[in-house]
Amino acid sequence: MERFDLLGPLPAHGATIVLEASAGTGKTFALAGLVTRYLAETDVTLDEMLLITFNRAASRELRERVRDQIVAAVAALDGRMPTDTDLVRHLLGSEAERAVRLARLRDALANFDAATIATTHEFCGSVLRSLGVAGDSDSGFTLRESLDDLVAEIVDDRYLARFANTDTDPALTYAQALDLARNVVGDPYAQRRPLDPDPDSAAGVRLDFAEQVLDELERRKRRLRILGYDDLLLRLSKALAAADSPARDRMRRRWRIVLVDEFQDTDPIQWQVLERAFRACRR
């Protein structure tokens, strides 16, 4: 496995690079350094870069790290701070290069609010709203950040309907039913097995209850005109499915460089969105 060198050649347009790193090894610093280098050394502007991570706290931290790196580079390049890091020394270059890079980084700071540094769900929601990907079928729907309350209501209703009049102990306790419902809603792409269990077996009861919850959740979301974050991902993935998808072209024109933090936390549909939108992109 090749060791990553922050000061090595920048990845070419269209390349897909995966960096493996343990916690505390400077992964976020490396991402912020890559952003700083792209801004200083190429004609890519901050609004053409997409930085994705997988929770809001990490998104805020990444935003702060990127801004701090750019601020430090500007201060060093214009002589207000010592050039005491390898990254800054690398950026110095010739006098002519330094002037160009300093101007680019100052411009990036002035337009820092244009940076797209977001969670996967925030990114998908932004694309659906701003790039015309959603389609008319989504108009009038409200994005619900959490479906937990709705899922709990469904479990209450379905559990009573299924087990209230049984003479024996139910095959599924209420706590188990609620835990099962939250799991299947939280991971809708997981395979549910066994495929054809005995309906009266414990596995059969669990599978039937899970399917009832999912079916009822879809009905209530339509009736209440709400969407969950997984609905955003599915809609965007479908919009990107065709090789000649207009959505792909719009996204590739909008973001020339895409950096993904904490990639190990992606689920299959999140990776599908990123792969369809950006992988093997040639400009």
Protein backbone atom coordinates (compact mmCIF):
# COMPACT_ATOMS: atom_id res chain seq x y z
CA MET A 1 0.00 0.00 0.00
CA GLU A 2 1.39 3.39 -1.01
CA ARG A 3 1.90 5.90 1.79
CA PHE A 4 -0.01 9.15 1.34
CA ASP A 5 2.14 12.24 0.85
CA LEU A 6 0.32 15.52 1.40
CA LEU A 7 3.03 17.31 -0.57
CA GLY A 8 3.05 14.87 -3.47
CA PRO A 9 1.35 15.38 -6.85
CA LEU A 10 -2.31 16.31 -6.54
CA PRO A 11 -4.75 13.64 -7.76
CA ALA A 12 -5.69 14.13 -11.40
CA HIS A 13 -9.20 15.15 -12.43
CA GLY A 14 -11.38 12.06 -12.60
CA ALA A 15 -9.20 10.06 -10.22
CA THR A 16 -10.67 8.25 -7.22
CA ILE A 17 -8.28 8.06 -4.26
CA VAL A 18 -8.97 6.25 -0.97
CA LEU A 19 -6.94 7.15 2.12
CA GLU A 20 -6.90 4.72 5.05
CA ALA A 21 -6.02 6.16 8.43
CA SER A 22 -6.52 5.28 12.08
CA ALA A 23 -8.12 7.72 14.50
CA GLY A 24 -5.80 10.52 15.58
CA THR A 25 -3.40 10.21 12.63
CA GLY A 26 -4.19 13.61 11.13
CA LYS A 27 -6.80 12.66 8.55
CA THR A 28 -8.76 15.88 8.95
CA PHE A 29 -5.53 17.90 8.78
CA ALA A 30 -4.66 16.11 5.53
CA LEU A 31 -8.07 16.89 4.02
CA ALA A 32 -7.77 20.55 4.98
CA GLY A 33 -4.26 20.56 3.53
CA LEU A 34 -5.50 19.11 0.24
CA VAL A 35 -8.16 21.80 0.04
CA THR A 36 -5.53 24.49 0.65
CA ARG A 37 -3.26 23.05 -2.04
CA TYR A 38 -6.01 22.77 -4.63
CA LEU A 39 -7.00 26.37 -3.99
CA ALA A 40 -3.43 27.69 -4.09
CA GLU A 41 -1.96 25.59 -6.89
CA THR A 42 -4.84 25.14 -9.34
CA ASP A 43 -7.64 27.21 -10.83
CA VAL A 44 -10.25 25.38 -8.72
CA THR A 45 -12.23 27.79 -6.54
CA LEU A 46 -13.75 27.03 -3.17
CA ASP A 47 -17.30 26.97 -4.48
CA GLU A 48 -16.24 24.23 -6.94
CA MET A 49 -15.16 21.92 -4.12
CA LEU A 50 -17.44 19.54 -2.22
CA LEU A 51 -16.44 18.25 1.21
CA ILE A 52 -18.67 15.59 2.71
CA THR A 53 -18.65 14.06 6.17
CA PHE A 54 -21.18 12.05 8.10
CA ASN A 55 -22.43 14.04 11.06
CA ARG A 56 -22.89 17.70 11.83
CA ALA A 57 -20.21 17.88 14.51
CA ALA A 58 -17.63 16.51 12.07
CA SER A 59 -18.88 18.91 9.41
CA ARG A 60 -18.37 21.89 11.74
CA GLU A 61 -14.90 20.66 12.71
CA LEU A 62 -13.89 20.16 9.08
CA ARG A 63 -15.12 23.65 8.18
CA GLU A 64 -13.06 25.15 11.01
CA ARG A 65 -9.96 23.15 10.09
CA VAL A 66 -10.15 24.16 6.43
CA ARG A 67 -10.57 27.83 7.28
CA ASP A 68 -7.75 27.72 9.84
CA GLN A 69 -5.42 26.12 7.28
CA ILE A 70 -6.19 28.77 4.68
CA VAL A 71 -5.78 31.60 7.21
CA ALA A 72 -2.41 30.21 8.32
CA ALA A 73 -1.23 29.82 4.73
CA VAL A 74 -2.22 33.39 3.85
CA ALA A 75 -0.46 34.76 6.95
CA ALA A 76 2.72 32.86 6.09
CA LEU A 77 2.73 33.70 2.40
CA ASP A 78 2.35 37.43 3.01
CA GLY A 79 5.10 37.40 5.66
CA ARG A 80 3.03 37.94 8.80
CA MET A 81 3.75 34.46 10.17
CA PRO A 82 6.80 32.21 9.99
CA THR A 83 6.83 29.48 7.35
CA ASP A 84 7.13 26.77 9.97
CA THR A 85 5.14 23.92 8.38
CA ASP A 86 5.99 21.63 5.49
CA LEU A 87 2.77 22.61 3.74
CA VAL A 88 3.50 26.33 3.85
CA ARG A 89 7.09 25.83 2.76
CA HIS A 90 5.80 23.78 -0.15
CA LEU A 91 3.40 26.58 -1.14
CA LEU A 92 6.10 29.27 -1.17
CA GLY A 93 7.43 28.28 -4.60
CA SER A 94 8.93 31.04 -6.69
CA GLU A 95 8.15 34.71 -6.11
CA ALA A 96 5.69 34.70 -9.01
CA GLU A 97 4.01 31.50 -7.79
CA ARG A 98 3.76 32.91 -4.27
CA ALA A 99 1.94 36.02 -5.49
CA VAL A 100 -0.59 33.98 -7.48
CA ARG A 101 -1.16 31.49 -4.66
CA LEU A 102 -1.58 34.25 -2.08
CA ALA A 103 -4.18 35.96 -4.26
CA ARG A 104 -6.09 32.71 -4.74
CA LEU A 105 -6.12 31.92 -1.03
CA ARG A 106 -7.21 35.45 -0.11
CA ASP A 107 -10.06 35.10 -2.60
CA ALA A 108 -11.01 31.77 -1.02
CA LEU A 109 -11.17 33.38 2.43
CA ALA A 110 -13.28 36.24 1.12
CA ASN A 111 -15.72 33.73 -0.34
CA PHE A 112 -15.51 31.09 2.36
CA ASP A 113 -19.26 31.04 2.92
CA ALA A 114 -19.59 29.60 -0.59
CA ALA A 115 -17.85 26.40 0.52
CA THR A 116 -20.00 23.27 0.45
CA ILE A 117 -18.93 21.41 3.59
CA ALA A 118 -21.84 19.25 4.60
CA THR A 119 -23.14 15.92 5.80
CA THR A 120 -24.29 13.42 3.19
CA HIS A 121 -27.92 14.21 3.91
CA GLU A 122 -27.37 17.98 3.77
CA PHE A 123 -25.56 17.54 0.46
CA CYS A 124 -28.37 15.41 -1.02
CA GLY A 125 -31.03 17.85 0.14
CA SER A 126 -29.11 20.76 -1.35
CA VAL A 127 -28.76 18.96 -4.69
CA LEU A 128 -32.43 18.05 -4.83
CA ARG A 129 -33.47 21.61 -4.07
CA SER A 130 -30.94 23.70 -5.95
CA LEU A 131 -29.99 21.69 -9.03
CA GLY A 132 -33.48 20.78 -10.15
CA VAL A 133 -33.08 17.07 -9.52
CA ALA A 134 -36.07 16.41 -7.29
CA GLY A 135 -38.88 16.60 -9.80
CA ASP A 136 -42.47 17.75 -9.36
CA SER A 137 -43.44 14.71 -7.28
CA ASP A 138 -41.48 16.06 -4.29
CA SER A 139 -43.05 19.52 -4.27
CA GLY A 140 -45.05 20.25 -1.15
CA PHE A 141 -43.28 17.60 0.93
CA THR A 142 -41.59 18.48 4.23
CA LEU A 143 -38.25 17.00 5.22
CA ARG A 144 -38.46 15.39 8.66
CA GLU A 145 -35.06 15.12 10.31
CA SER A 146 -36.15 12.24 12.52
CA LEU A 147 -38.93 9.70 11.97
CA ASP A 148 -38.62 8.25 15.49
CA ASP A 149 -41.92 9.66 16.77
CA LEU A 150 -43.80 8.45 13.72
CA VAL A 151 -42.22 4.99 13.99
CA ALA A 152 -43.20 4.80 17.67
CA GLU A 153 -46.81 5.67 16.77
CA ILE A 154 -46.86 2.93 14.14
CA VAL A 155 -45.43 0.37 16.58
CA ASP A 156 -48.11 1.30 19.13
CA ASP A 157 -50.87 0.81 16.58
CA ARG A 158 -49.54 -2.35 14.92
CA TYR A 159 -48.56 -4.00 18.20
CA LEU A 160 -52.02 -3.52 19.67
CA ALA A 161 -53.68 -4.72 16.47
CA ARG A 162 -51.51 -7.83 16.33
CA PHE A 163 -51.18 -8.90 19.96
CA ALA A 164 -53.86 -7.20 22.09
CA ASN A 165 -56.36 -10.05 21.84
CA THR A 166 -53.99 -13.01 22.09
CA ASP A 167 -54.47 -15.39 25.03
CA THR A 168 -50.83 -16.42 25.18
CA ASP A 169 -47.69 -14.40 25.67
CA PRO A 170 -46.87 -12.63 22.39
CA ALA A 171 -43.89 -13.88 20.41
CA LEU A 172 -42.58 -10.33 20.45
CA THR A 173 -42.52 -8.02 23.48
CA TYR A 174 -43.35 -4.37 22.96
CA ALA A 175 -39.73 -3.36 23.64
CA GLN A 176 -38.52 -5.92 21.09
CA ALA A 177 -41.07 -4.69 18.57
CA LEU A 178 -39.96 -1.08 18.99
CA ASP A 179 -36.29 -2.04 18.70
CA LEU A 180 -37.02 -4.12 15.59
CA ALA A 181 -38.94 -1.27 13.96
CA ARG A 182 -36.20 1.24 14.61
CA ASN A 183 -33.61 -1.13 13.17
CA VAL A 184 -35.46 -1.86 9.92
CA VAL A 185 -36.35 1.80 9.40
CA GLY A 186 -32.79 2.88 10.17
CA ASP A 187 -31.33 0.36 7.71
CA PRO A 188 -33.96 -0.14 4.98
CA TYR A 189 -31.44 -1.76 2.63
CA ALA A 190 -30.55 -4.61 4.97
CA GLN A 191 -31.68 -8.06 3.86
CA ARG A 192 -34.46 -9.51 6.00
CA ARG A 193 -34.13 -13.24 6.63
CA PRO A 194 -35.26 -15.99 6.62
CA LEU A 195 -36.99 -15.37 3.30
CA ASP A 196 -39.94 -17.72 3.83
CA PRO A 197 -40.26 -18.57 7.53
CA ASP A 198 -43.13 -20.39 9.20
CA PRO A 199 -45.64 -17.55 9.89
CA ASP A 200 -46.17 -18.79 13.45
CA SER A 201 -42.47 -19.07 14.29
CA ALA A 202 -40.63 -16.33 16.17
CA ALA A 203 -38.74 -15.43 12.98
CA GLY A 204 -41.98 -15.35 11.00
CA VAL A 205 -43.65 -13.04 13.52
CA ARG A 206 -40.67 -10.69 13.53
CA LEU A 207 -40.45 -10.58 9.74
CA ASP A 208 -44.18 -9.96 9.35
CA PHE A 209 -44.14 -7.19 11.96
CA ALA A 210 -41.14 -5.51 10.32
CA GLU A 211 -42.85 -5.54 6.92
CA GLN A 212 -46.06 -4.13 8.43
CA VAL A 213 -44.09 -1.28 9.99
CA LEU A 214 -42.34 -0.42 6.72
CA ASP A 215 -45.57 -0.56 4.71
CA GLU A 216 -47.43 1.59 7.21
CA LEU A 217 -44.55 4.07 7.39
CA GLU A 218 -44.73 4.61 3.62
CA ARG A 219 -48.51 5.11 3.79
CA ARG A 220 -48.26 7.67 6.58
CA LYS A 221 -45.40 9.55 4.94
CA ARG A 222 -47.50 9.93 1.80
CA ARG A 223 -50.55 11.00 3.79
CA LEU A 224 -48.60 13.48 5.91
CA ARG A 225 -46.50 14.57 2.91
CA ILE A 226 -43.19 14.14 4.67
CA LEU A 227 -39.81 12.74 3.62
CA GLY A 228 -37.01 11.20 5.65
CA TYR A 229 -33.32 11.50 4.85
CA ASP A 230 -33.24 8.05 3.26
CA ASP A 231 -35.97 9.20 0.88
CA LEU A 232 -33.65 11.99 -0.27
CA LEU A 233 -30.87 9.51 -0.93
CA LEU A 234 -33.13 7.20 -2.92
CA ARG A 235 -34.54 10.02 -5.03
CA LEU A 236 -31.08 11.35 -5.82
CA SER A 237 -29.72 7.89 -6.58
CA LYS A 238 -32.56 7.23 -9.02
CA ALA A 239 -32.03 10.60 -10.69
CA LEU A 240 -28.37 9.68 -11.23
CA ALA A 241 -28.95 6.11 -12.44
CA ALA A 242 -28.70 6.66 -16.21
CA ALA A 243 -25.25 7.17 -17.69
CA ASP A 244 -26.56 10.20 -19.61
CA SER A 245 -28.42 11.58 -16.59
CA PRO A 246 -28.70 15.40 -16.76
CA ALA A 247 -28.31 15.40 -12.97
CA ARG A 248 -24.84 13.84 -13.29
CA ASP A 249 -23.75 16.53 -15.68
CA ARG A 250 -25.09 19.33 -13.47
CA MET A 251 -23.34 17.94 -10.41
CA ARG A 252 -20.02 17.45 -12.18
CA ARG A 253 -20.13 20.97 -13.51
CA ARG A 254 -21.02 22.29 -10.07
CA TRP A 255 -18.26 20.45 -8.13
CA ARG A 256 -14.90 19.70 -9.74
CA ILE A 257 -13.23 18.29 -6.61
CA VAL A 258 -15.00 16.00 -4.11
CA LEU A 259 -13.45 14.99 -0.78
CA VAL A 260 -15.24 12.53 1.50
CA ASP A 261 -14.33 12.26 5.19
CA GLU A 262 -15.11 9.18 7.32
CA PHE A 263 -15.86 7.11 4.22
CA GLN A 264 -16.16 3.94 6.30
CA ASP A 265 -19.47 5.28 7.63
CA THR A 266 -21.12 5.32 4.21
CA ASP A 267 -23.99 2.93 3.62
CA PRO A 268 -24.55 1.32 0.19
CA ILE A 269 -27.01 3.93 -1.05
CA GLN A 270 -24.76 6.84 0.01
CA TRP A 271 -21.84 5.33 -1.89
CA GLN A 272 -24.13 4.70 -4.87
CA VAL A 273 -25.00 8.40 -4.99
CA LEU A 274 -21.35 9.47 -4.84
CA GLU A 275 -20.20 6.84 -7.33
CA ARG A 276 -22.89 7.65 -9.87
CA ALA A 277 -22.37 11.37 -9.55
CA PHE A 278 -18.59 11.63 -9.53
CA ARG A 279 -16.65 8.41 -10.04
CA ALA A 280 -14.64 8.21 -13.28
CA CYS A 281 -15.73 11.75 -14.07
CA ARG A 282 -13.72 13.20 -16.96
CA ARG A 283 -13.60 16.94 -17.59
